């Protein structure tokens, strides 16, 4: 990790929810945060890298999935594509950790109480901590669900859309950059409520 007397870097956004993310401001906020997060982890294997994904790669993924990515997730990968943030986003291209159906990402999904018909509707796009708990979007609706094989219901609706998830992920990144996990958690609780945040973070 990299930090010094000038930390956080001058262009780093404050640790707060922006009032307005319409138009280009959303991706300016994302990009500035990712830049600061990359500096924090500069030289580390998990250093964030902006790697925009070509449109044809996204189309090939959608053909493999037989569904479209939510537009906000599609735009994120096309414009930024950074995968190693405060948690890992899955890759558009085939890889060890691709965007894929829940049943492929977690073959024992039926053993934790998810019906096959439900599992087929869930597409994994983020791996929060590498322990098998995963964020998925629902085919068609684009709603975001948390798959938890450890505790409580295996599928919990968390966000209305991928934009809301990405905004929360950026807050997690900013909390690391500002070295203020307590404030970051307070901000997440203000949007999601304590039960969902505890399920996500703990």
N, C-alpha and C. Protein backbone atom coordinates (compact mmCIF):
# COMPACT_ATOMS: atom_id res chain seq x y z
N UNK A 1 0.85 -1.19 0.00
CA UNK A 1 0.00 0.00 0.00
C UNK A 1 0.88 1.25 0.00
N UNK A 2 0.37 2.31 -0.63
CA UNK A 2 1.16 3.53 -0.76
C UNK A 2 0.43 4.70 -0.12
N UNK A 3 1.05 5.32 0.88
CA UNK A 3 0.45 6.51 1.49
C UNK A 3 1.58 7.39 2.01
N UNK A 4 1.41 8.69 1.94
CA UNK A 4 2.44 9.61 2.43
C UNK A 4 1.76 10.87 2.95
N UNK A 5 2.58 11.93 3.16
CA UNK A 5 2.05 13.15 3.77
C UNK A 5 1.00 13.83 2.91
N UNK A 6 1.00 13.57 1.60
CA UNK A 6 0.03 14.21 0.71
C UNK A 6 -1.20 13.33 0.50
N UNK A 7 -1.30 12.29 1.29
CA UNK A 7 -2.41 11.35 1.11
C UNK A 7 -3.67 11.85 1.78
N UNK A 8 -4.87 11.68 1.23
CA UNK A 8 -5.14 11.09 -0.09
C UNK A 8 -4.72 12.01 -1.23
N UNK A 9 -4.58 11.47 -2.44
CA UNK A 9 -4.12 12.28 -3.58
C UNK A 9 -5.09 13.43 -3.87
N UNK A 10 -4.61 14.51 -4.44
CA UNK A 10 -5.42 15.73 -4.62
C UNK A 10 -6.72 15.52 -5.38
N UNK A 11 -6.72 14.64 -6.35
CA UNK A 11 -7.93 14.45 -7.16
C UNK A 11 -8.88 13.39 -6.61
N UNK A 12 -8.56 12.85 -5.44
CA UNK A 12 -9.41 11.83 -4.85
C UNK A 12 -10.73 12.44 -4.36
N UNK A 13 -11.86 11.84 -4.72
CA UNK A 13 -13.14 12.37 -4.21
C UNK A 13 -13.25 12.23 -2.69
N UNK A 14 -14.06 13.06 -2.06
CA UNK A 14 -14.31 12.90 -0.63
C UNK A 14 -15.10 11.63 -0.34
N UNK A 15 -15.02 11.17 0.89
CA UNK A 15 -15.76 9.98 1.30
C UNK A 15 -17.18 10.38 1.65
N UNK A 16 -18.03 10.45 0.63
CA UNK A 16 -19.43 10.82 0.80
C UNK A 16 -20.20 10.43 -0.45
N UNK A 17 -21.52 10.34 -0.31
CA UNK A 17 -22.37 10.08 -1.48
C UNK A 17 -22.49 11.37 -2.29
N UNK A 18 -22.16 11.38 -3.56
CA UNK A 18 -22.38 12.59 -4.38
C UNK A 18 -23.87 12.90 -4.47
N UNK A 19 -24.18 14.17 -4.59
CA UNK A 19 -25.58 14.58 -4.67
C UNK A 19 -26.20 14.29 -6.03
N UNK A 20 -25.40 14.34 -7.07
CA UNK A 20 -25.94 14.18 -8.41
C UNK A 20 -24.95 13.42 -9.27
N UNK A 21 -25.38 12.26 -9.80
CA UNK A 21 -24.51 11.45 -10.64
C UNK A 21 -25.06 11.34 -12.06
N UNK A 22 -25.82 12.32 -12.48
CA UNK A 22 -26.35 12.29 -13.84
C UNK A 22 -25.24 12.58 -14.85
N UNK A 23 -25.43 12.06 -16.06
CA UNK A 23 -24.52 12.37 -17.15
C UNK A 23 -23.11 11.91 -16.89
N UNK A 24 -22.12 12.69 -17.30
CA UNK A 24 -20.72 12.26 -17.18
C UNK A 24 -20.19 12.24 -15.76
N UNK A 25 -20.89 12.88 -14.83
CA UNK A 25 -20.36 12.97 -13.46
C UNK A 25 -20.17 11.59 -12.84
N UNK A 26 -21.03 10.64 -13.16
CA UNK A 26 -20.91 9.29 -12.59
C UNK A 26 -19.54 8.69 -12.92
N UNK A 27 -19.18 8.73 -14.19
CA UNK A 27 -17.94 8.08 -14.59
C UNK A 27 -16.71 8.91 -14.23
N UNK A 28 -16.87 10.20 -14.07
CA UNK A 28 -15.78 11.01 -13.52
C UNK A 28 -15.52 10.59 -12.07
N UNK A 29 -16.59 10.38 -11.31
CA UNK A 29 -16.46 9.94 -9.91
C UNK A 29 -15.83 8.55 -9.83
N UNK A 30 -16.36 7.63 -10.65
CA UNK A 30 -15.78 6.29 -10.68
C UNK A 30 -14.29 6.35 -11.02
N UNK A 31 -13.95 7.06 -12.11
CA UNK A 31 -12.57 7.07 -12.60
C UNK A 31 -11.61 7.69 -11.59
N UNK A 32 -12.02 8.79 -10.95
CA UNK A 32 -11.15 9.45 -9.97
C UNK A 32 -10.93 8.54 -8.76
N UNK A 33 -11.97 7.83 -8.34
CA UNK A 33 -11.83 6.92 -7.21
C UNK A 33 -10.92 5.75 -7.57
N UNK A 34 -11.12 5.18 -8.75
CA UNK A 34 -10.29 4.05 -9.17
C UNK A 34 -8.83 4.47 -9.28
N UNK A 35 -8.57 5.68 -9.76
CA UNK A 35 -7.20 6.18 -9.85
C UNK A 35 -6.56 6.25 -8.47
N UNK A 36 -7.30 6.79 -7.49
CA UNK A 36 -6.77 6.87 -6.12
C UNK A 36 -6.59 5.49 -5.52
N UNK A 37 -7.53 4.59 -5.77
CA UNK A 37 -7.44 3.23 -5.25
C UNK A 37 -6.24 2.51 -5.85
N UNK A 38 -5.97 2.75 -7.14
CA UNK A 38 -4.80 2.14 -7.79
C UNK A 38 -3.51 2.65 -7.16
N UNK A 39 -3.46 3.94 -6.82
CA UNK A 39 -2.27 4.48 -6.17
C UNK A 39 -2.07 3.87 -4.79
N UNK A 40 -3.18 3.64 -4.09
CA UNK A 40 -3.10 3.03 -2.76
C UNK A 40 -2.42 1.67 -2.82
N UNK A 41 -2.74 0.90 -3.87
CA UNK A 41 -2.24 -0.46 -4.01
C UNK A 41 -1.16 -0.57 -5.09
N UNK A 42 -0.51 0.54 -5.42
CA UNK A 42 0.49 0.55 -6.49
C UNK A 42 1.61 -0.47 -6.22
N UNK A 43 1.88 -1.27 -7.23
CA UNK A 43 2.93 -2.28 -7.12
C UNK A 43 2.49 -3.59 -6.51
N UNK A 44 1.26 -3.62 -5.97
CA UNK A 44 0.72 -4.85 -5.38
C UNK A 44 0.03 -5.66 -6.47
N UNK A 45 -0.03 -6.98 -6.26
CA UNK A 45 -0.67 -7.83 -7.27
C UNK A 45 -2.13 -7.45 -7.50
N UNK A 46 -2.76 -6.84 -6.50
CA UNK A 46 -4.17 -6.45 -6.62
C UNK A 46 -4.36 -5.02 -7.10
N UNK A 47 -3.29 -4.37 -7.59
CA UNK A 47 -3.42 -2.99 -8.06
C UNK A 47 -4.51 -2.88 -9.13
N UNK A 48 -5.40 -1.92 -8.97
CA UNK A 48 -6.49 -1.72 -9.92
C UNK A 48 -5.95 -1.20 -11.24
N UNK A 49 -6.51 -1.70 -12.33
CA UNK A 49 -6.12 -1.25 -13.66
C UNK A 49 -7.36 -0.96 -14.49
N UNK A 50 -7.40 0.20 -15.09
CA UNK A 50 -8.50 0.55 -15.99
C UNK A 50 -8.23 -0.16 -17.31
N UNK A 51 -9.11 -1.07 -17.68
CA UNK A 51 -8.95 -1.89 -18.88
C UNK A 51 -10.29 -2.00 -19.60
N UNK A 52 -10.66 -0.95 -20.37
CA UNK A 52 -11.95 -0.98 -21.07
C UNK A 52 -12.08 -2.21 -21.97
N UNK A 53 -13.28 -2.72 -22.05
CA UNK A 53 -13.57 -3.94 -22.81
C UNK A 53 -14.21 -3.56 -24.14
N UNK A 54 -13.74 -4.19 -25.21
CA UNK A 54 -14.29 -3.91 -26.54
C UNK A 54 -15.73 -4.38 -26.64
N UNK A 55 -16.51 -3.66 -27.44
CA UNK A 55 -17.92 -3.99 -27.63
C UNK A 55 -18.11 -5.43 -28.10
N UNK A 56 -17.25 -5.90 -29.01
CA UNK A 56 -17.45 -7.26 -29.54
C UNK A 56 -17.23 -8.33 -28.46
N UNK A 57 -16.36 -8.04 -27.47
CA UNK A 57 -16.19 -8.98 -26.36
C UNK A 57 -17.46 -9.06 -25.51
N UNK A 58 -18.08 -7.91 -25.29
CA UNK A 58 -19.33 -7.90 -24.52
C UNK A 58 -20.42 -8.64 -25.27
N UNK A 59 -20.49 -8.44 -26.56
CA UNK A 59 -21.50 -9.14 -27.38
C UNK A 59 -21.29 -10.65 -27.30
N UNK A 60 -20.03 -11.10 -27.39
CA UNK A 60 -19.77 -12.54 -27.31
C UNK A 60 -20.19 -13.10 -25.95
N UNK A 61 -19.93 -12.34 -24.87
CA UNK A 61 -20.38 -12.78 -23.55
C UNK A 61 -21.90 -12.89 -23.51
N UNK A 62 -22.58 -11.90 -24.01
CA UNK A 62 -24.05 -11.92 -24.00
C UNK A 62 -24.59 -13.10 -24.81
N UNK A 63 -23.91 -13.46 -25.87
CA UNK A 63 -24.32 -14.62 -26.65
C UNK A 63 -24.13 -15.91 -25.86
N UNK A 64 -23.00 -16.00 -25.13
CA UNK A 64 -22.77 -17.19 -24.30
C UNK A 64 -23.81 -17.30 -23.19
N UNK A 65 -24.18 -16.16 -22.62
CA UNK A 65 -25.14 -16.15 -21.52
C UNK A 65 -26.59 -16.25 -21.99
N UNK A 66 -26.81 -15.94 -23.27
CA UNK A 66 -28.16 -15.86 -23.83
C UNK A 66 -28.99 -14.80 -23.10
N UNK A 67 -28.33 -13.73 -22.70
CA UNK A 67 -29.02 -12.58 -22.10
C UNK A 67 -28.11 -11.37 -22.19
N UNK A 68 -28.69 -10.19 -22.10
CA UNK A 68 -27.92 -8.96 -22.12
C UNK A 68 -27.43 -8.61 -20.72
N UNK A 69 -26.27 -7.99 -20.64
CA UNK A 69 -25.85 -7.41 -19.37
C UNK A 69 -26.73 -6.21 -19.05
N UNK A 70 -26.97 -5.94 -17.78
CA UNK A 70 -27.63 -4.67 -17.43
C UNK A 70 -26.85 -3.51 -18.05
N UNK A 71 -27.55 -2.52 -18.55
CA UNK A 71 -26.88 -1.45 -19.31
C UNK A 71 -25.80 -0.76 -18.50
N UNK A 72 -26.02 -0.54 -17.21
CA UNK A 72 -25.02 0.15 -16.41
C UNK A 72 -23.76 -0.70 -16.24
N UNK A 73 -23.91 -2.02 -16.11
CA UNK A 73 -22.75 -2.90 -16.00
C UNK A 73 -22.01 -2.97 -17.33
N UNK A 74 -22.78 -3.01 -18.40
CA UNK A 74 -22.21 -3.00 -19.76
C UNK A 74 -21.37 -1.74 -19.96
N UNK A 75 -21.92 -0.58 -19.58
CA UNK A 75 -21.22 0.69 -19.76
C UNK A 75 -19.97 0.74 -18.90
N UNK A 76 -20.05 0.23 -17.67
CA UNK A 76 -18.88 0.21 -16.80
C UNK A 76 -17.73 -0.55 -17.46
N UNK A 77 -18.01 -1.75 -17.96
CA UNK A 77 -16.94 -2.54 -18.56
C UNK A 77 -16.43 -1.90 -19.86
N UNK A 78 -17.32 -1.29 -20.60
CA UNK A 78 -16.89 -0.67 -21.86
C UNK A 78 -16.04 0.58 -21.61
N UNK A 79 -16.31 1.30 -20.53
CA UNK A 79 -15.59 2.56 -20.30
C UNK A 79 -14.40 2.42 -19.35
N UNK A 80 -14.51 1.51 -18.35
CA UNK A 80 -13.45 1.42 -17.34
C UNK A 80 -12.89 0.00 -17.22
N UNK A 81 -13.73 -0.95 -16.95
CA UNK A 81 -13.31 -2.35 -16.93
C UNK A 81 -12.39 -2.75 -15.80
N UNK A 82 -12.15 -1.89 -14.82
CA UNK A 82 -11.29 -2.26 -13.69
C UNK A 82 -11.97 -3.36 -12.87
N UNK A 83 -11.23 -4.42 -12.57
CA UNK A 83 -11.81 -5.57 -11.88
C UNK A 83 -11.37 -5.69 -10.43
N UNK A 84 -10.14 -5.28 -10.12
CA UNK A 84 -9.61 -5.46 -8.76
C UNK A 84 -9.82 -4.18 -7.96
N UNK A 85 -10.97 -4.10 -7.32
CA UNK A 85 -11.29 -2.93 -6.51
C UNK A 85 -11.43 -3.37 -5.05
N UNK A 86 -12.28 -2.73 -4.28
CA UNK A 86 -12.47 -3.16 -2.90
C UNK A 86 -13.05 -4.57 -2.84
N UNK A 87 -13.64 -5.01 -3.92
CA UNK A 87 -13.96 -6.41 -4.15
C UNK A 87 -13.80 -6.68 -5.64
N UNK A 88 -13.75 -7.94 -6.00
CA UNK A 88 -13.41 -8.32 -7.37
C UNK A 88 -14.64 -8.38 -8.26
N UNK A 89 -14.59 -7.68 -9.37
CA UNK A 89 -15.61 -7.82 -10.39
C UNK A 89 -15.21 -8.94 -11.34
N UNK A 90 -16.18 -9.68 -11.82
CA UNK A 90 -15.91 -10.79 -12.73
C UNK A 90 -15.60 -10.27 -14.12
N UNK A 91 -14.87 -11.07 -14.88
CA UNK A 91 -14.37 -10.68 -16.18
C UNK A 91 -15.38 -10.92 -17.30
N UNK A 92 -15.40 -10.01 -18.27
CA UNK A 92 -16.22 -10.20 -19.47
C UNK A 92 -15.66 -11.35 -20.30
N UNK A 93 -14.35 -11.40 -20.45
CA UNK A 93 -13.71 -12.45 -21.24
C UNK A 93 -13.63 -13.74 -20.42
N UNK A 94 -13.56 -14.89 -21.09
CA UNK A 94 -13.35 -16.15 -20.35
C UNK A 94 -12.09 -16.06 -19.50
N UNK A 95 -12.19 -16.50 -18.26
CA UNK A 95 -11.07 -16.40 -17.32
C UNK A 95 -11.35 -17.34 -16.16
N UNK A 96 -10.51 -17.27 -15.12
CA UNK A 96 -10.76 -18.08 -13.92
C UNK A 96 -11.98 -17.56 -13.17
N UNK A 97 -12.34 -16.32 -13.39
CA UNK A 97 -13.43 -15.69 -12.64
C UNK A 97 -14.32 -14.89 -13.58
N UNK A 98 -15.03 -15.56 -14.50
CA UNK A 98 -15.82 -14.84 -15.51
C UNK A 98 -17.22 -14.51 -15.02
N UNK A 99 -17.87 -13.59 -15.71
CA UNK A 99 -19.31 -13.40 -15.55
C UNK A 99 -19.96 -14.68 -16.07
N UNK A 100 -20.79 -15.31 -15.24
CA UNK A 100 -21.33 -16.63 -15.61
C UNK A 100 -22.58 -16.93 -14.79
N UNK A 101 -23.37 -17.93 -15.23
CA UNK A 101 -24.55 -18.31 -14.44
C UNK A 101 -24.15 -18.80 -13.05
N UNK A 102 -25.03 -18.57 -12.09
CA UNK A 102 -24.77 -18.94 -10.71
C UNK A 102 -24.44 -20.43 -10.58
N UNK A 103 -25.15 -21.28 -11.31
CA UNK A 103 -24.90 -22.71 -11.22
C UNK A 103 -23.52 -23.11 -11.69
N UNK A 104 -22.93 -22.34 -12.61
CA UNK A 104 -21.56 -22.62 -13.06
C UNK A 104 -20.54 -22.10 -12.05
N UNK A 105 -20.83 -20.95 -11.46
CA UNK A 105 -19.91 -20.37 -10.47
C UNK A 105 -19.92 -21.15 -9.16
N UNK A 106 -21.08 -21.70 -8.81
CA UNK A 106 -21.23 -22.43 -7.54
C UNK A 106 -22.07 -23.68 -7.83
N UNK A 107 -21.41 -24.76 -8.31
CA UNK A 107 -22.16 -25.95 -8.75
C UNK A 107 -23.06 -26.57 -7.69
N UNK A 108 -22.74 -26.39 -6.42
CA UNK A 108 -23.55 -26.98 -5.34
C UNK A 108 -24.70 -26.08 -4.93
N UNK A 109 -25.12 -25.18 -5.82
CA UNK A 109 -26.14 -24.20 -5.46
C UNK A 109 -27.44 -24.85 -4.98
N UNK A 110 -27.79 -26.00 -5.54
CA UNK A 110 -29.01 -26.69 -5.12
C UNK A 110 -28.94 -27.18 -3.69
N UNK A 111 -27.74 -27.47 -3.22
CA UNK A 111 -27.57 -28.00 -1.86
C UNK A 111 -27.83 -26.95 -0.79
N UNK A 112 -27.82 -25.67 -1.18
CA UNK A 112 -28.09 -24.62 -0.19
C UNK A 112 -29.49 -24.04 -0.38
N UNK A 113 -30.32 -24.73 -1.16
CA UNK A 113 -31.73 -24.36 -1.21
C UNK A 113 -32.17 -23.48 -2.36
N UNK A 114 -31.35 -23.34 -3.41
CA UNK A 114 -31.75 -22.55 -4.57
C UNK A 114 -32.27 -23.49 -5.65
N UNK A 115 -33.52 -23.31 -6.04
CA UNK A 115 -34.12 -24.15 -7.07
C UNK A 115 -33.39 -23.95 -8.41
N UNK A 116 -33.25 -25.01 -9.21
CA UNK A 116 -32.57 -24.88 -10.51
C UNK A 116 -33.15 -23.78 -11.40
N UNK A 117 -34.48 -23.63 -11.38
CA UNK A 117 -35.10 -22.61 -12.22
C UNK A 117 -34.72 -21.21 -11.77
N UNK A 118 -34.52 -21.03 -10.46
CA UNK A 118 -34.09 -19.74 -9.92
C UNK A 118 -32.62 -19.51 -10.22
N UNK A 119 -31.80 -20.53 -10.03
CA UNK A 119 -30.36 -20.41 -10.28
C UNK A 119 -30.10 -20.01 -11.73
N UNK A 120 -30.90 -20.52 -12.66
CA UNK A 120 -30.69 -20.20 -14.08
C UNK A 120 -30.94 -18.73 -14.38
N UNK A 121 -31.73 -18.07 -13.53
CA UNK A 121 -32.04 -16.66 -13.73
C UNK A 121 -30.97 -15.73 -13.16
N UNK A 122 -30.02 -16.28 -12.41
CA UNK A 122 -29.01 -15.48 -11.73
C UNK A 122 -27.67 -15.56 -12.44
N UNK A 123 -27.10 -14.40 -12.76
CA UNK A 123 -25.80 -14.31 -13.43
C UNK A 123 -24.80 -13.64 -12.49
N UNK A 124 -23.75 -14.35 -12.14
CA UNK A 124 -22.74 -13.83 -11.22
C UNK A 124 -21.87 -12.80 -11.93
N UNK A 125 -21.67 -11.64 -11.29
CA UNK A 125 -20.83 -10.60 -11.89
C UNK A 125 -19.82 -10.01 -10.91
N UNK A 126 -19.88 -10.40 -9.62
CA UNK A 126 -18.93 -9.87 -8.64
C UNK A 126 -18.69 -10.91 -7.56
N UNK A 127 -17.44 -10.96 -7.11
CA UNK A 127 -17.01 -11.91 -6.08
C UNK A 127 -16.46 -11.09 -4.91
N UNK A 128 -17.29 -10.80 -3.91
CA UNK A 128 -16.90 -9.86 -2.86
C UNK A 128 -15.63 -10.22 -2.11
N UNK A 129 -15.50 -11.49 -1.70
CA UNK A 129 -14.35 -11.81 -0.85
C UNK A 129 -13.74 -13.18 -1.10
N UNK A 130 -14.12 -13.84 -2.18
CA UNK A 130 -13.49 -15.11 -2.55
C UNK A 130 -13.92 -16.31 -1.73
N UNK A 131 -15.00 -16.17 -0.94
CA UNK A 131 -15.42 -17.29 -0.10
C UNK A 131 -16.65 -18.02 -0.65
N UNK A 132 -17.04 -17.71 -1.89
CA UNK A 132 -18.19 -18.37 -2.49
C UNK A 132 -19.49 -17.59 -2.39
N UNK A 133 -19.51 -16.51 -1.60
CA UNK A 133 -20.66 -15.61 -1.59
C UNK A 133 -20.50 -14.64 -2.77
N UNK A 134 -21.56 -14.42 -3.51
CA UNK A 134 -21.44 -13.77 -4.82
C UNK A 134 -22.57 -12.78 -5.06
N UNK A 135 -22.29 -11.74 -5.86
CA UNK A 135 -23.34 -10.85 -6.34
C UNK A 135 -23.77 -11.30 -7.73
N UNK A 136 -25.08 -11.31 -7.95
CA UNK A 136 -25.66 -11.75 -9.22
C UNK A 136 -26.65 -10.69 -9.71
N UNK A 137 -26.84 -10.64 -11.02
CA UNK A 137 -27.98 -9.89 -11.54
C UNK A 137 -29.00 -10.89 -12.08
N UNK A 138 -30.25 -10.52 -12.00
CA UNK A 138 -31.32 -11.37 -12.47
C UNK A 138 -31.57 -11.10 -13.95
N UNK A 139 -31.63 -12.16 -14.73
CA UNK A 139 -31.94 -12.00 -16.15
C UNK A 139 -33.23 -11.17 -16.30
N UNK A 140 -33.23 -10.31 -17.27
CA UNK A 140 -34.44 -9.54 -17.55
C UNK A 140 -34.59 -8.32 -16.67
N UNK A 141 -34.76 -8.51 -15.36
CA UNK A 141 -35.03 -7.36 -14.48
C UNK A 141 -33.77 -6.55 -14.20
N UNK A 142 -32.59 -7.21 -14.18
CA UNK A 142 -31.35 -6.52 -13.83
C UNK A 142 -31.20 -6.24 -12.35
N UNK A 143 -32.14 -6.70 -11.52
CA UNK A 143 -32.01 -6.51 -10.07
C UNK A 143 -30.81 -7.29 -9.54
N UNK A 144 -30.21 -6.77 -8.46
CA UNK A 144 -28.99 -7.35 -7.93
C UNK A 144 -29.29 -8.13 -6.65
N UNK A 145 -28.84 -9.39 -6.64
CA UNK A 145 -29.04 -10.28 -5.50
C UNK A 145 -27.69 -10.72 -4.95
N UNK A 146 -27.67 -10.96 -3.64
CA UNK A 146 -26.49 -11.48 -2.97
C UNK A 146 -26.73 -12.96 -2.70
N UNK A 147 -25.84 -13.81 -3.23
CA UNK A 147 -25.90 -15.24 -2.97
C UNK A 147 -24.99 -15.54 -1.77
N UNK A 148 -25.58 -16.09 -0.71
CA UNK A 148 -24.87 -16.37 0.53
C UNK A 148 -25.07 -17.84 0.88
N UNK A 149 -24.02 -18.64 0.78
CA UNK A 149 -24.15 -20.07 1.08
C UNK A 149 -23.85 -20.38 2.54
N UNK A 150 -23.57 -19.35 3.35
CA UNK A 150 -23.17 -19.55 4.74
C UNK A 150 -24.29 -19.38 5.75
N UNK A 151 -25.13 -18.35 5.55
CA UNK A 151 -26.02 -17.97 6.63
C UNK A 151 -27.30 -17.35 6.09
N UNK A 152 -28.44 -17.81 6.59
CA UNK A 152 -29.72 -17.22 6.21
C UNK A 152 -30.16 -17.60 4.81
N UNK A 153 -31.11 -16.85 4.24
CA UNK A 153 -31.60 -17.15 2.90
C UNK A 153 -30.44 -17.10 1.89
N UNK A 154 -30.38 -18.04 0.95
CA UNK A 154 -29.26 -18.06 0.02
C UNK A 154 -29.27 -16.90 -0.97
N UNK A 155 -30.43 -16.34 -1.26
CA UNK A 155 -30.52 -15.21 -2.19
C UNK A 155 -31.27 -14.06 -1.54
N UNK A 156 -30.64 -12.90 -1.49
CA UNK A 156 -31.24 -11.71 -0.90
C UNK A 156 -31.14 -10.57 -1.90
N UNK A 157 -32.27 -9.91 -2.17
CA UNK A 157 -32.23 -8.75 -3.07
C UNK A 157 -31.53 -7.60 -2.36
N UNK A 158 -30.49 -7.04 -3.02
CA UNK A 158 -29.71 -5.96 -2.42
C UNK A 158 -29.93 -4.62 -3.09
N UNK A 159 -29.93 -4.59 -4.41
CA UNK A 159 -29.97 -3.34 -5.16
C UNK A 159 -30.99 -3.43 -6.29
N UNK A 160 -31.57 -2.28 -6.64
CA UNK A 160 -32.52 -2.24 -7.76
C UNK A 160 -31.82 -2.46 -9.09
N UNK A 161 -30.55 -2.03 -9.18
CA UNK A 161 -29.83 -2.16 -10.45
C UNK A 161 -28.33 -2.13 -10.20
N UNK A 162 -27.56 -2.34 -11.27
CA UNK A 162 -26.10 -2.40 -11.14
C UNK A 162 -25.50 -1.04 -10.81
N UNK A 163 -26.12 0.05 -11.21
CA UNK A 163 -25.62 1.37 -10.82
C UNK A 163 -25.54 1.50 -9.31
N UNK A 164 -26.59 1.05 -8.63
CA UNK A 164 -26.62 1.16 -7.17
C UNK A 164 -25.51 0.31 -6.55
N UNK A 165 -25.28 -0.87 -7.11
CA UNK A 165 -24.17 -1.69 -6.62
C UNK A 165 -22.83 -1.00 -6.85
N UNK A 166 -22.60 -0.49 -8.06
CA UNK A 166 -21.32 0.14 -8.37
C UNK A 166 -21.08 1.37 -7.49
N UNK A 167 -22.11 2.14 -7.21
CA UNK A 167 -21.96 3.30 -6.32
C UNK A 167 -21.51 2.85 -4.93
N UNK A 168 -22.12 1.77 -4.42
CA UNK A 168 -21.74 1.27 -3.10
C UNK A 168 -20.31 0.73 -3.11
N UNK A 169 -19.93 0.07 -4.20
CA UNK A 169 -18.56 -0.42 -4.32
C UNK A 169 -17.56 0.73 -4.33
N UNK A 170 -17.89 1.83 -4.98
CA UNK A 170 -17.01 2.99 -5.00
C UNK A 170 -16.87 3.57 -3.60
N UNK A 171 -17.95 3.57 -2.83
CA UNK A 171 -17.85 4.02 -1.43
C UNK A 171 -16.90 3.11 -0.65
N UNK A 172 -16.97 1.80 -0.88
CA UNK A 172 -16.03 0.89 -0.22
C UNK A 172 -14.59 1.22 -0.60
N UNK A 173 -14.35 1.52 -1.87
CA UNK A 173 -13.01 1.90 -2.31
C UNK A 173 -12.55 3.18 -1.62
N UNK A 174 -13.44 4.18 -1.57
CA UNK A 174 -13.08 5.46 -0.94
C UNK A 174 -12.79 5.28 0.54
N UNK A 175 -13.51 4.38 1.20
CA UNK A 175 -13.25 4.13 2.62
C UNK A 175 -11.83 3.61 2.81
N UNK A 176 -11.37 2.75 1.90
CA UNK A 176 -9.98 2.26 1.99
C UNK A 176 -8.99 3.39 1.73
N UNK A 177 -9.25 4.17 0.70
CA UNK A 177 -8.33 5.26 0.35
C UNK A 177 -8.23 6.26 1.50
N UNK A 178 -9.35 6.61 2.09
CA UNK A 178 -9.38 7.59 3.19
C UNK A 178 -9.06 6.96 4.53
N UNK A 179 -8.84 5.64 4.53
CA UNK A 179 -8.51 4.91 5.76
C UNK A 179 -9.55 5.17 6.85
N UNK A 180 -10.82 5.02 6.45
CA UNK A 180 -11.92 5.29 7.38
C UNK A 180 -13.04 4.29 7.13
N UNK A 181 -12.79 3.05 7.54
CA UNK A 181 -13.79 2.00 7.33
C UNK A 181 -15.08 2.28 8.08
N UNK A 182 -14.96 2.89 9.26
CA UNK A 182 -16.16 3.18 10.06
C UNK A 182 -17.09 4.14 9.32
N UNK A 183 -16.53 5.21 8.76
CA UNK A 183 -17.33 6.16 8.00
C UNK A 183 -17.90 5.50 6.75
N UNK A 184 -17.11 4.68 6.09
CA UNK A 184 -17.60 3.98 4.90
C UNK A 184 -18.79 3.11 5.23
N UNK A 185 -18.70 2.37 6.34
CA UNK A 185 -19.81 1.52 6.73
C UNK A 185 -21.04 2.36 7.07
N UNK A 186 -20.85 3.48 7.75
CA UNK A 186 -21.99 4.35 8.06
C UNK A 186 -22.70 4.81 6.80
N UNK A 187 -21.92 5.15 5.77
CA UNK A 187 -22.52 5.60 4.51
C UNK A 187 -23.31 4.47 3.85
N UNK A 188 -22.77 3.27 3.87
CA UNK A 188 -23.48 2.13 3.29
C UNK A 188 -24.77 1.85 4.07
N UNK A 189 -24.70 1.92 5.39
CA UNK A 189 -25.89 1.68 6.21
C UNK A 189 -26.96 2.73 5.92
N UNK A 190 -26.54 3.97 5.65
CA UNK A 190 -27.52 5.02 5.36
C UNK A 190 -28.32 4.72 4.11
N UNK A 191 -27.76 3.97 3.19
CA UNK A 191 -28.45 3.61 1.95
C UNK A 191 -29.14 2.25 2.04
N UNK A 192 -28.48 1.28 2.66
CA UNK A 192 -28.94 -0.11 2.59
C UNK A 192 -29.59 -0.61 3.87
N UNK A 193 -29.28 0.03 4.99
CA UNK A 193 -29.75 -0.46 6.27
C UNK A 193 -28.74 -1.43 6.89
N UNK A 194 -28.75 -1.51 8.20
CA UNK A 194 -27.78 -2.33 8.93
C UNK A 194 -27.82 -3.81 8.57
N UNK A 195 -29.01 -4.46 8.46
CA UNK A 195 -29.01 -5.90 8.19
C UNK A 195 -28.31 -6.27 6.88
N UNK A 196 -28.57 -5.52 5.79
CA UNK A 196 -27.93 -5.85 4.52
C UNK A 196 -26.44 -5.60 4.57
N UNK A 197 -26.02 -4.50 5.21
CA UNK A 197 -24.59 -4.21 5.28
C UNK A 197 -23.87 -5.27 6.10
N UNK A 198 -24.46 -5.71 7.20
CA UNK A 198 -23.83 -6.75 7.99
C UNK A 198 -23.71 -8.04 7.19
N UNK A 199 -24.75 -8.36 6.43
CA UNK A 199 -24.71 -9.58 5.62
C UNK A 199 -23.60 -9.48 4.58
N UNK A 200 -23.44 -8.31 3.99
CA UNK A 200 -22.44 -8.10 2.96
C UNK A 200 -21.02 -8.09 3.52
N UNK A 201 -20.80 -7.33 4.58
CA UNK A 201 -19.44 -7.09 5.07
C UNK A 201 -18.96 -8.12 6.09
N UNK A 202 -19.90 -8.80 6.75
CA UNK A 202 -19.48 -9.69 7.83
C UNK A 202 -19.89 -11.13 7.60
